[in-house]
Amino acid sequence: WAVFGGVCPPHLSQGTAPSPGPLQPHWYERYVQPCVAELLGSTLFIFIGCLSVVEDTGGTGRLQPALTHGLALGLTVAVLGDISGGHLNPAVSVAMWLVGGLNITMLIPYWLCQLCGGVLGAGLAKAVAPSERYVNASGGAFSSVTADEQIPAVLGGEIAMTAFLILVACMGAVNGRTKTPLAPFCIGFAVTVNILAGGAVSGACMNPARAFGPALVANYWDYHWVYWVGPMVAALLVSVLLLGDRTTRLFLK
């Protein structure tokens, strides 16, 4: 006992049990459950999104897809955010990894789950939608680019709108000084305003999984690469901005 100053340490005293340390998360909760949440969330979000495009027969223009995508995303992030972060978007996952909001070991599993969710969601939309409407809407796939000369405008629109979405996600959900419980709905609002503003420019995809699922199911691949390059470039651009506290800045930590 001399090491403890001649006093018996508390956890060795008669009748005193060692105090338990904090419980470590179960491996299922750390690795499997987040992937399941990303798969489920992406499936539901993209199913609702594709269906809103296919069933938009009332002449509402961009209003119906904008509200549907924004509300579906906000609700999905709200209920699944505490499990996986509610990314549902490969570009968001890249940005979250770069700013320290996602472990690199989860990046590829998240991508796979998001893309598989996109395919499942698009497949469900095809299964329930009338075939004529489905074909007329290309299954909800993005068909804004019809000529090479449109590529600069479409690519620029995707970069700008995705950057706005990712900035809202990073500052509202990760950055210590600005994060808020309203982050899920802020993210949903960002999607809504982007579609209302830029839907006619590029379709306002902002999400490679949202582009990949219906493209695969409907077999519509025209200029598909634009909807990968734009969001990924936006993720890199937002990540190098010197905004946020030291834990979320990529440089000058």
C-alpha atoms as a PDB file:
ATOM      1  CA  TRP A   1       0.000   0.000   0.000  1.00  0.00           C
ATOM      2  CA  ALA A   2       2.979   2.321   0.242  1.00  0.00           C
ATOM      3  CA  VAL A   3       2.540   3.194  -3.382  1.00  0.00           C
ATOM      4  CA  PHE A   4      -0.843   4.732  -2.488  1.00  0.00           C
ATOM      5  CA  GLY A   5       0.500   6.638   0.512  1.00  0.00           C
ATOM      6  CA  GLY A   6      -0.405   3.907   2.992  1.00  0.00           C
ATOM      7  CA  VAL A   7      -4.101   4.106   2.118  1.00  0.00           C
ATOM      8  CA  CYS A   8      -5.959   1.204   0.591  1.00  0.00           C
ATOM      9  CA  PRO A   9      -7.149   2.208  -2.889  1.00  0.00           C
ATOM     10  CA  PRO A  10     -10.926   2.573  -3.009  1.00  0.00           C
ATOM     11  CA  HIS A  11     -11.533  -0.250  -5.490  1.00  0.00           C
ATOM     12  CA  LEU A  12      -9.686  -2.674  -3.179  1.00  0.00           C
ATOM     13  CA  SER A  13     -11.510  -1.639   0.004  1.00  0.00           C
ATOM     14  CA  GLN A  14     -13.740  -4.242   1.633  1.00  0.00           C
ATOM     15  CA  GLY A  15     -17.294  -4.116   0.312  1.00  0.00           C
ATOM     16  CA  THR A  16     -16.487  -1.733  -2.566  1.00  0.00           C
ATOM     17  CA  ALA A  17     -16.709  -2.998  -6.139  1.00  0.00           C
ATOM     18  CA  PRO A  18     -14.638  -1.500  -8.945  1.00  0.00           C
ATOM     19  CA  SER A  19     -16.465   1.333 -10.693  1.00  0.00           C
ATOM     20  CA  PRO A  20     -17.381   0.291 -14.208  1.00  0.00           C
ATOM     21  CA  GLY A  21     -15.906   2.324 -17.032  1.00  0.00           C
ATOM     22  CA  PRO A  22     -17.945   3.707 -19.913  1.00  0.00           C
ATOM     23  CA  LEU A  23     -19.430   1.003 -22.106  1.00  0.00           C
ATOM     24  CA  GLN A  24     -17.810   0.757 -25.515  1.00  0.00           C
ATOM     25  CA  PRO A  25     -20.149   0.718 -28.516  1.00  0.00           C
ATOM     26  CA  HIS A  26     -20.929  -2.733 -29.828  1.00  0.00           C
ATOM     27  CA  TRP A  27     -19.274  -3.606 -33.150  1.00  0.00           C
ATOM     28  CA  TYR A  28     -22.701  -3.832 -34.749  1.00  0.00           C
ATOM     29  CA  GLU A  29     -23.518  -0.281 -33.665  1.00  0.00           C
ATOM     30  CA  ARG A  30     -20.138   1.037 -34.827  1.00  0.00           C
ATOM     31  CA  TYR A  31     -19.858  -0.591 -38.247  1.00  0.00           C
ATOM     32  CA  VAL A  32     -22.946  -2.496 -39.390  1.00  0.00           C
ATOM     33  CA  GLN A  33     -25.828  -0.366 -38.168  1.00  0.00           C
ATOM     34  CA  PRO A  34     -24.563   2.860 -39.835  1.00  0.00           C
ATOM     35  CA  CYS A  35     -24.264   1.041 -43.170  1.00  0.00           C
ATOM     36  CA  VAL A  36     -27.765  -0.386 -42.801  1.00  0.00           C
ATOM     37  CA  ALA A  37     -29.045   3.126 -42.056  1.00  0.00           C
ATOM     38  CA  GLU A  38     -27.335   4.530 -45.161  1.00  0.00           C
ATOM     39  CA  LEU A  39     -28.764   1.723 -47.298  1.00  0.00           C
ATOM     40  CA  LEU A  40     -32.285   2.135 -45.926  1.00  0.00           C
ATOM     41  CA  GLY A  41     -32.208   5.930 -45.998  1.00  0.00           C
ATOM     42  CA  SER A  42     -30.872   6.087 -49.559  1.00  0.00           C
ATOM     43  CA  THR A  43     -33.461   3.560 -50.711  1.00  0.00           C
ATOM     44  CA  LEU A  44     -36.382   5.488 -49.256  1.00  0.00           C
ATOM     45  CA  PHE A  45     -35.135   8.916 -50.289  1.00  0.00           C
ATOM     46  CA  ILE A  46     -34.407   7.915 -53.880  1.00  0.00           C
ATOM     47  CA  PHE A  47     -37.627   5.924 -54.173  1.00  0.00           C
ATOM     48  CA  ILE A  48     -39.643   8.978 -53.121  1.00  0.00           C
ATOM     49  CA  GLY A  49     -37.568  11.268 -55.328  1.00  0.00           C
ATOM     50  CA  CYS A  50     -37.875   9.150 -58.463  1.00  0.00           C
ATOM     51  CA  LEU A  51     -41.571   8.570 -57.883  1.00  0.00           C
ATOM     52  CA  SER A  52     -42.190  12.308 -57.529  1.00  0.00           C
ATOM     53  CA  VAL A  53     -40.632  12.897 -60.953  1.00  0.00           C
ATOM     54  CA  VAL A  54     -42.448  10.003 -62.627  1.00  0.00           C
ATOM     55  CA  GLU A  55     -45.811  10.984 -61.141  1.00  0.00           C
ATOM     56  CA  ASP A  56     -45.463  14.720 -61.769  1.00  0.00           C
ATOM     57  CA  THR A  57     -48.345  14.905 -64.239  1.00  0.00           C
ATOM     58  CA  GLY A  58     -50.166  17.907 -62.800  1.00  0.00           C
ATOM     59  CA  GLY A  59     -48.109  20.610 -64.466  1.00  0.00           C
ATOM     60  CA  THR A  60     -46.515  21.801 -61.209  1.00  0.00           C
ATOM     61  CA  GLY A  61     -43.144  22.315 -62.879  1.00  0.00           C
ATOM     62  CA  ARG A  62     -40.276  22.025 -60.399  1.00  0.00           C
ATOM     63  CA  LEU A  63     -42.423  22.596 -57.315  1.00  0.00           C
ATOM     64  CA  GLN A  64     -43.488  18.999 -56.710  1.00  0.00           C
ATOM     65  CA  PRO A  65     -40.005  17.420 -57.119  1.00  0.00           C
ATOM     66  CA  ALA A  66     -38.427  20.219 -55.079  1.00  0.00           C
ATOM     67  CA  LEU A  67     -40.761  19.853 -52.121  1.00  0.00           C
ATOM     68  CA  THR A  68     -40.736  16.055 -52.289  1.00  0.00           C
ATOM     69  CA  HIS A  69     -36.949  15.716 -52.403  1.00  0.00           C
ATOM     70  CA  GLY A  70     -36.392  18.337 -49.709  1.00  0.00           C
ATOM     71  CA  LEU A  71     -38.983  16.994 -47.288  1.00  0.00           C
ATOM     72  CA  ALA A  72     -37.976  13.368 -47.840  1.00  0.00           C
ATOM     73  CA  LEU A  73     -34.304  14.143 -47.273  1.00  0.00           C
ATOM     74  CA  GLY A  74     -34.935  16.277 -44.180  1.00  0.00           C
ATOM     75  CA  LEU A  75     -37.125  13.640 -42.566  1.00  0.00           C
ATOM     76  CA  THR A  76     -34.741  10.804 -43.402  1.00  0.00           C
ATOM     77  CA  VAL A  77     -31.722  12.657 -42.004  1.00  0.00           C
ATOM     78  CA  ALA A  78     -33.701  13.550 -38.883  1.00  0.00           C
ATOM     79  CA  VAL A  79     -34.586   9.947 -38.048  1.00  0.00           C
ATOM     80  CA  LEU A  80     -31.324   8.266 -39.145  1.00  0.00           C
ATOM     81  CA  GLY A  81     -28.780  11.009 -38.487  1.00  0.00           C
ATOM     82  CA  ASP A  82     -27.850   9.810 -35.010  1.00  0.00           C
ATOM     83  CA  ILE A  83     -27.056   6.348 -36.394  1.00  0.00           C
ATOM     84  CA  SER A  84     -25.028   7.065 -39.535  1.00  0.00           C
ATOM     85  CA  GLY A  85     -24.931  10.836 -39.890  1.00  0.00           C
ATOM     86  CA  GLY A  86     -27.605  10.635 -42.571  1.00  0.00           C
ATOM     87  CA  HIS A  87     -25.287  11.292 -45.513  1.00  0.00           C
ATOM     88  CA  LEU A  88     -27.268   9.405 -48.206  1.00  0.00           C
ATOM     89  CA  ASN A  89     -24.898  10.942 -50.749  1.00  0.00           C
ATOM     90  CA  PRO A  90     -21.352   9.871 -51.765  1.00  0.00           C
ATOM     91  CA  ALA A  91     -20.293  13.506 -52.194  1.00  0.00           C
ATOM     92  CA  VAL A  92     -21.444  14.382 -48.678  1.00  0.00           C
ATOM     93  CA  SER A  93     -19.535  11.380 -47.312  1.00  0.00           C
ATOM     94  CA  VAL A  94     -16.344  12.556 -49.028  1.00  0.00           C
ATOM     95  CA  ALA A  95     -16.718  16.034 -47.555  1.00  0.00           C
ATOM     96  CA  MET A  96     -17.494  14.654 -44.092  1.00  0.00           C
ATOM     97  CA  TRP A  97     -14.402  12.462 -44.226  1.00  0.00           C
ATOM     98  CA  LEU A  98     -12.203  15.383 -45.259  1.00  0.00           C
ATOM     99  CA  VAL A  99     -13.451  17.609 -42.417  1.00  0.00           C
ATOM    100  CA  GLY A 100     -13.189  14.874 -39.803  1.00  0.00           C
ATOM    101  CA  GLY A 101     -16.842  13.874 -39.557  1.00  0.00           C
ATOM    102  CA  LEU A 102     -16.369  10.321 -40.877  1.00  0.00           C
ATOM    103  CA  ASN A 103     -13.731   7.656 -40.293  1.00  0.00           C
ATOM    104  CA  ILE A 104     -11.965   6.661 -43.499  1.00  0.00           C
ATOM    105  CA  THR A 105     -12.723   2.979 -42.843  1.00  0.00           C
ATOM    106  CA  MET A 106     -16.418   3.741 -43.335  1.00  0.00           C
ATOM    107  CA  LEU A 107     -16.096   5.764 -46.543  1.00  0.00           C
ATOM    108  CA  ILE A 108     -16.171   2.900 -49.074  1.00  0.00           C
ATOM    109  CA  PRO A 109     -18.885   0.952 -47.178  1.00  0.00           C
ATOM    110  CA  TYR A 110     -20.999   4.126 -47.100  1.00  0.00           C
ATOM    111  CA  TRP A 111     -20.544   4.596 -50.858  1.00  0.00           C
ATOM    112  CA  LEU A 112     -21.562   1.010 -51.589  1.00  0.00           C
ATOM    113  CA  CYS A 113     -24.637   1.255 -49.375  1.00  0.00           C
ATOM    114  CA  GLN A 114     -25.681   4.586 -50.884  1.00  0.00           C
ATOM    115  CA  LEU A 115     -25.322   3.310 -54.455  1.00  0.00           C
ATOM    116  CA  CYS A 116     -27.136   0.062 -53.664  1.00  0.00           C
ATOM    117  CA  GLY A 117     -29.858   2.109 -51.989  1.00  0.00           C
ATOM    118  CA  GLY A 118     -30.124   4.204 -55.142  1.00  0.00           C
ATOM    119  CA  VAL A 119     -30.658   1.102 -57.249  1.00  0.00           C
ATOM    120  CA  LEU A 120     -33.212  -0.348 -54.824  1.00  0.00           C
ATOM    121  CA  GLY A 121     -35.099   2.944 -54.592  1.00  0.00           C
ATOM    122  CA  ALA A 122     -35.199   3.357 -58.364  1.00  0.00           C
ATOM    123  CA  GLY A 123     -36.296  -0.258 -58.732  1.00  0.00           C
ATOM    124  CA  LEU A 124     -39.158   0.257 -56.290  1.00  0.00           C
ATOM    125  CA  ALA A 125     -40.245   3.347 -58.221  1.00  0.00           C
ATOM    126  CA  LYS A 126     -40.304   1.327 -61.433  1.00  0.00           C
ATOM    127  CA  ALA A 127     -42.292  -1.436 -59.745  1.00  0.00           C
ATOM    128  CA  VAL A 128     -45.104   0.827 -58.535  1.00  0.00           C
ATOM    129  CA  ALA A 129     -45.253   3.484 -61.285  1.00  0.00           C
ATOM    130  CA  PRO A 130     -47.359   3.044 -64.435  1.00  0.00           C
ATOM    131  CA  SER A 131     -45.053   1.889 -67.208  1.00  0.00           C
ATOM    132  CA  GLU A 132     -46.028   4.660 -69.644  1.00  0.00           C
ATOM    133  CA  ARG A 133     -45.275   7.429 -67.147  1.00  0.00           C
ATOM    134  CA  TYR A 134     -42.075   5.689 -66.107  1.00  0.00           C
ATOM    135  CA  VAL A 135     -40.792   5.573 -69.684  1.00  0.00           C
ATOM    136  CA  ASN A 136     -41.798   9.176 -70.395  1.00  0.00           C
ATOM    137  CA  ALA A 137     -39.846  10.374 -67.340  1.00  0.00           C
ATOM    138  CA  SER A 138     -36.830   8.119 -68.041  1.00  0.00           C
ATOM    139  CA  GLY A 139     -37.418   6.536 -64.645  1.00  0.00           C
ATOM    140  CA  GLY A 140     -36.523   9.727 -62.841  1.00  0.00           C
ATOM    141  CA  ALA A 141     -33.024   9.710 -64.343  1.00  0.00           C
ATOM    142  CA  PHE A 142     -31.396  13.037 -65.161  1.00  0.00           C
ATOM    143  CA  SER A 143     -31.773  14.050 -68.781  1.00  0.00           C
ATOM    144  CA  SER A 144     -31.000  17.776 -68.693  1.00  0.00           C
ATOM    145  CA  VAL A 145     -27.962  17.503 -70.975  1.00  0.00           C
ATOM    146  CA  THR A 146     -28.876  16.928 -74.607  1.00  0.00           C
ATOM    147  CA  ALA A 147     -25.859  18.477 -76.353  1.00  0.00           C
ATOM    148  CA  ASP A 148     -22.156  18.952 -75.672  1.00  0.00           C
ATOM    149  CA  GLU A 149     -22.467  22.732 -75.554  1.00  0.00           C
ATOM    150  CA  GLN A 150     -24.671  22.443 -72.450  1.00  0.00           C
ATOM    151  CA  ILE A 151     -22.012  20.656 -70.418  1.00  0.00           C
ATOM    152  CA  PRO A 152     -20.267  23.770 -68.969  1.00  0.00           C
ATOM    153  CA  ALA A 153     -23.534  25.216 -67.665  1.00  0.00           C
ATOM    154  CA  VAL A 154     -24.754  21.889 -66.283  1.00  0.00           C
ATOM    155  CA  LEU A 155     -21.421  21.051 -64.680  1.00  0.00           C
ATOM    156  CA  GLY A 156     -21.119  24.529 -63.177  1.00  0.00           C
ATOM    157  CA  GLY A 157     -24.649  24.332 -61.830  1.00  0.00           C
ATOM    158  CA  GLU A 158     -24.028  20.960 -60.215  1.00  0.00           C
ATOM    159  CA  ILE A 159     -20.818  22.197 -58.592  1.00  0.00           C
ATOM    160  CA  ALA A 160     -22.426  25.359 -57.209  1.00  0.00           C
ATOM    161  CA  MET A 161     -25.628  23.736 -55.948  1.00  0.00           C
ATOM    162  CA  THR A 162     -23.849  20.748 -54.410  1.00  0.00           C
ATOM    163  CA  ALA A 163     -21.375  23.092 -52.722  1.00  0.00           C
ATOM    164  CA  PHE A 164     -24.285  24.949 -51.134  1.00  0.00           C
ATOM    165  CA  LEU A 165     -25.816  21.676 -49.923  1.00  0.00           C
ATOM    166  CA  ILE A 166     -22.533  20.333 -48.508  1.00  0.00           C
ATOM    167  CA  LEU A 167     -21.721  23.664 -46.840  1.00  0.00           C
ATOM    168  CA  VAL A 168     -25.079  23.538 -45.041  1.00  0.00           C
ATOM    169  CA  ALA A 169     -24.436  19.920 -44.013  1.00  0.00           C
ATOM    170  CA  CYS A 170     -20.900  20.517 -42.717  1.00  0.00           C
ATOM    171  CA  MET A 171     -21.614  23.763 -40.891  1.00  0.00           C
ATOM    172  CA  GLY A 172     -24.984  22.650 -39.554  1.00  0.00           C
ATOM    173  CA  ALA A 173     -24.084  19.139 -38.422  1.00  0.00           C
ATOM    174  CA  VAL A 174     -20.305  18.990 -37.791  1.00  0.00           C
ATOM    175  CA  ASN A 175     -18.783  22.388 -37.040  1.00  0.00           C
ATOM    176  CA  GLY A 176     -18.821  23.024 -33.294  1.00  0.00           C
ATOM    177  CA  ARG A 177     -19.762  26.693 -33.375  1.00  0.00           C
ATOM    178  CA  THR A 178     -22.549  26.495 -35.920  1.00  0.00           C
ATOM    179  CA  LYS A 179     -24.116  23.039 -35.638  1.00  0.00           C
ATOM    180  CA  THR A 180     -27.786  23.031 -34.788  1.00  0.00           C
ATOM    181  CA  PRO A 181     -30.560  20.508 -34.024  1.00  0.00           C
ATOM    182  CA  LEU A 182     -32.331  21.930 -37.067  1.00  0.00           C
ATOM    183  CA  ALA A 183     -29.565  20.679 -39.376  1.00  0.00           C
ATOM    184  CA  PRO A 184     -31.695  17.909 -40.991  1.00  0.00           C
ATOM    185  CA  PHE A 185     -34.354  20.376 -42.034  1.00  0.00           C
ATOM    186  CA  CYS A 186     -31.769  22.957 -43.122  1.00  0.00           C
ATOM    187  CA  ILE A 187     -30.314  20.270 -45.404  1.00  0.00           C
ATOM    188  CA  GLY A 188     -33.770  19.495 -46.756  1.00  0.00           C
ATOM    189  CA  PHE A 189     -34.446  23.189 -47.361  1.00  0.00           C
ATOM    190  CA  ALA A 190     -31.128  23.492 -49.226  1.00  0.00           C
ATOM    191  CA  VAL A 191     -32.186  20.698 -51.584  1.00  0.00           C
ATOM    192  CA  THR A 192     -35.595  22.317 -52.116  1.00  0.00           C
ATOM    193  CA  VAL A 193     -34.244  25.757 -52.990  1.00  0.00           C
ATOM    194  CA  ASN A 194     -31.559  24.271 -55.245  1.00  0.00           C
ATOM    195  CA  ILE A 195     -34.153  22.344 -57.255  1.00  0.00           C
ATOM    196  CA  LEU A 196     -36.441  25.376 -57.474  1.00  0.00           C
ATOM    197  CA  ALA A 197     -33.567  27.585 -58.611  1.00  0.00           C
ATOM    198  CA  GLY A 198     -31.499  25.240 -60.762  1.00  0.00           C
ATOM    199  CA  GLY A 199     -33.727  22.379 -61.748  1.00  0.00           C
ATOM    200  CA  ALA A 200     -34.024  23.738 -65.277  1.00  0.00           C
ATOM    201  CA  VAL A 201     -30.242  24.162 -65.566  1.00  0.00           C
ATOM    202  CA  SER A 202     -28.963  20.718 -64.590  1.00  0.00           C
ATOM    203  CA  GLY A 203     -31.829  18.893 -62.924  1.00  0.00           C
ATOM    204  CA  ALA A 204     -30.221  19.740 -59.553  1.00  0.00           C
ATOM    205  CA  CYS A 205     -29.039  16.225 -58.806  1.00  0.00           C
ATOM    206  CA  MET A 206     -26.316  17.044 -56.231  1.00  0.00           C
ATOM    207  CA  ASN A 207     -26.015  13.324 -55.453  1.00  0.00           C
ATOM    208  CA  PRO A 208     -24.224  10.598 -57.468  1.00  0.00           C
ATOM    209  CA  ALA A 209     -26.364   7.901 -55.845  1.00  0.00           C
ATOM    210  CA  ARG A 210     -29.539   9.723 -56.887  1.00  0.00           C
ATOM    211  CA  ALA A 211     -28.177   9.807 -60.458  1.00  0.00           C
ATOM    212  CA  PHE A 212     -26.804   6.247 -60.527  1.00  0.00           C
ATOM    213  CA  GLY A 213     -29.877   4.340 -59.307  1.00  0.00           C
ATOM    214  CA  PRO A 214     -32.407   5.462 -61.935  1.00  0.00           C
ATOM    215  CA  ALA A 215     -29.737   5.514 -64.654  1.00  0.00           C
ATOM    216  CA  LEU A 216     -29.041   1.826 -64.030  1.00  0.00           C
ATOM    217  CA  VAL A 217     -32.670   0.752 -63.680  1.00  0.00           C
ATOM    218  CA  ALA A 218     -33.888   2.778 -66.672  1.00  0.00           C
ATOM    219  CA  ASN A 219     -30.669   2.170 -68.643  1.00  0.00           C
ATOM    220  CA  TYR A 220     -30.291   5.885 -69.333  1.00  0.00           C
ATOM    221  CA  TRP A 221     -26.608   6.910 -69.289  1.00  0.00           C
ATOM    222  CA  ASP A 222     -26.471  10.055 -71.439  1.00  0.00           C
ATOM    223  CA  TYR A 223     -23.877  12.428 -69.943  1.00  0.00           C
ATOM    224  CA  HIS A 224     -24.110  10.503 -66.675  1.00  0.00           C
ATOM    225  CA  TRP A 225     -20.528  11.394 -65.737  1.00  0.00           C
ATOM    226  CA  VAL A 226     -21.527  15.020 -65.181  1.00  0.00           C
ATOM    227  CA  TYR A 227     -23.559  14.019 -62.122  1.00  0.00           C
ATOM    228  CA  TRP A 228     -20.509  12.389 -60.560  1.00  0.00           C
ATOM    229  CA  VAL A 229     -17.855  14.965 -61.401  1.00  0.00           C
ATOM    230  CA  GLY A 230     -19.915  17.989 -60.322  1.00  0.00           C
ATOM    231  CA  PRO A 231     -20.809  16.816 -56.799  1.00  0.00           C
ATOM    232  CA  MET A 232     -17.351  15.376 -56.115  1.00  0.00           C
ATOM    233  CA  VAL A 233     -15.626  18.611 -57.180  1.00  0.00           C
ATOM    234  CA  ALA A 234     -18.026  20.506 -54.921  1.00  0.00           C
ATOM    235  CA  ALA A 235     -17.119  18.234 -51.982  1.00  0.00           C
ATOM    236  CA  LEU A 236     -13.429  19.010 -52.466  1.00  0.00           C
ATOM    237  CA  LEU A 237     -14.038  22.737 -52.815  1.00  0.00           C
ATOM    238  CA  VAL A 238     -16.108  23.002 -49.639  1.00  0.00           C
ATOM    239  CA  SER A 239     -13.565  20.926 -47.715  1.00  0.00           C
ATOM    240  CA  VAL A 240     -10.684  23.307 -48.456  1.00  0.00           C
ATOM    241  CA  LEU A 241     -12.605  26.405 -47.342  1.00  0.00           C
ATOM    242  CA  LEU A 242     -11.077  27.842 -44.188  1.00  0.00           C
ATOM    243  CA  LEU A 243     -14.420  28.005 -42.411  1.00  0.00           C
ATOM    244  CA  GLY A 244     -15.290  26.363 -39.127  1.00  0.00           C
ATOM    245  CA  ASP A 245     -13.271  25.575 -36.033  1.00  0.00           C
ATOM    246  CA  ARG A 246      -9.914  23.830 -35.961  1.00  0.00           C
ATOM    247  CA  THR A 247     -11.414  20.338 -35.851  1.00  0.00           C
ATOM    248  CA  THR A 248     -13.238  20.810 -39.162  1.00  0.00           C
ATOM    249  CA  ARG A 249     -10.692  22.890 -41.110  1.00  0.00           C
ATOM    250  CA  LEU A 250      -8.683  20.853 -43.587  1.00  0.00           C
ATOM    251  CA  PHE A 251      -5.794  23.340 -43.433  1.00  0.00           C
ATOM    252  CA  LEU A 252      -4.436  25.779 -40.825  1.00  0.00           C
ATOM    253  CA  LYS A 253      -5.532  23.547 -37.953  1.00  0.00           C
END
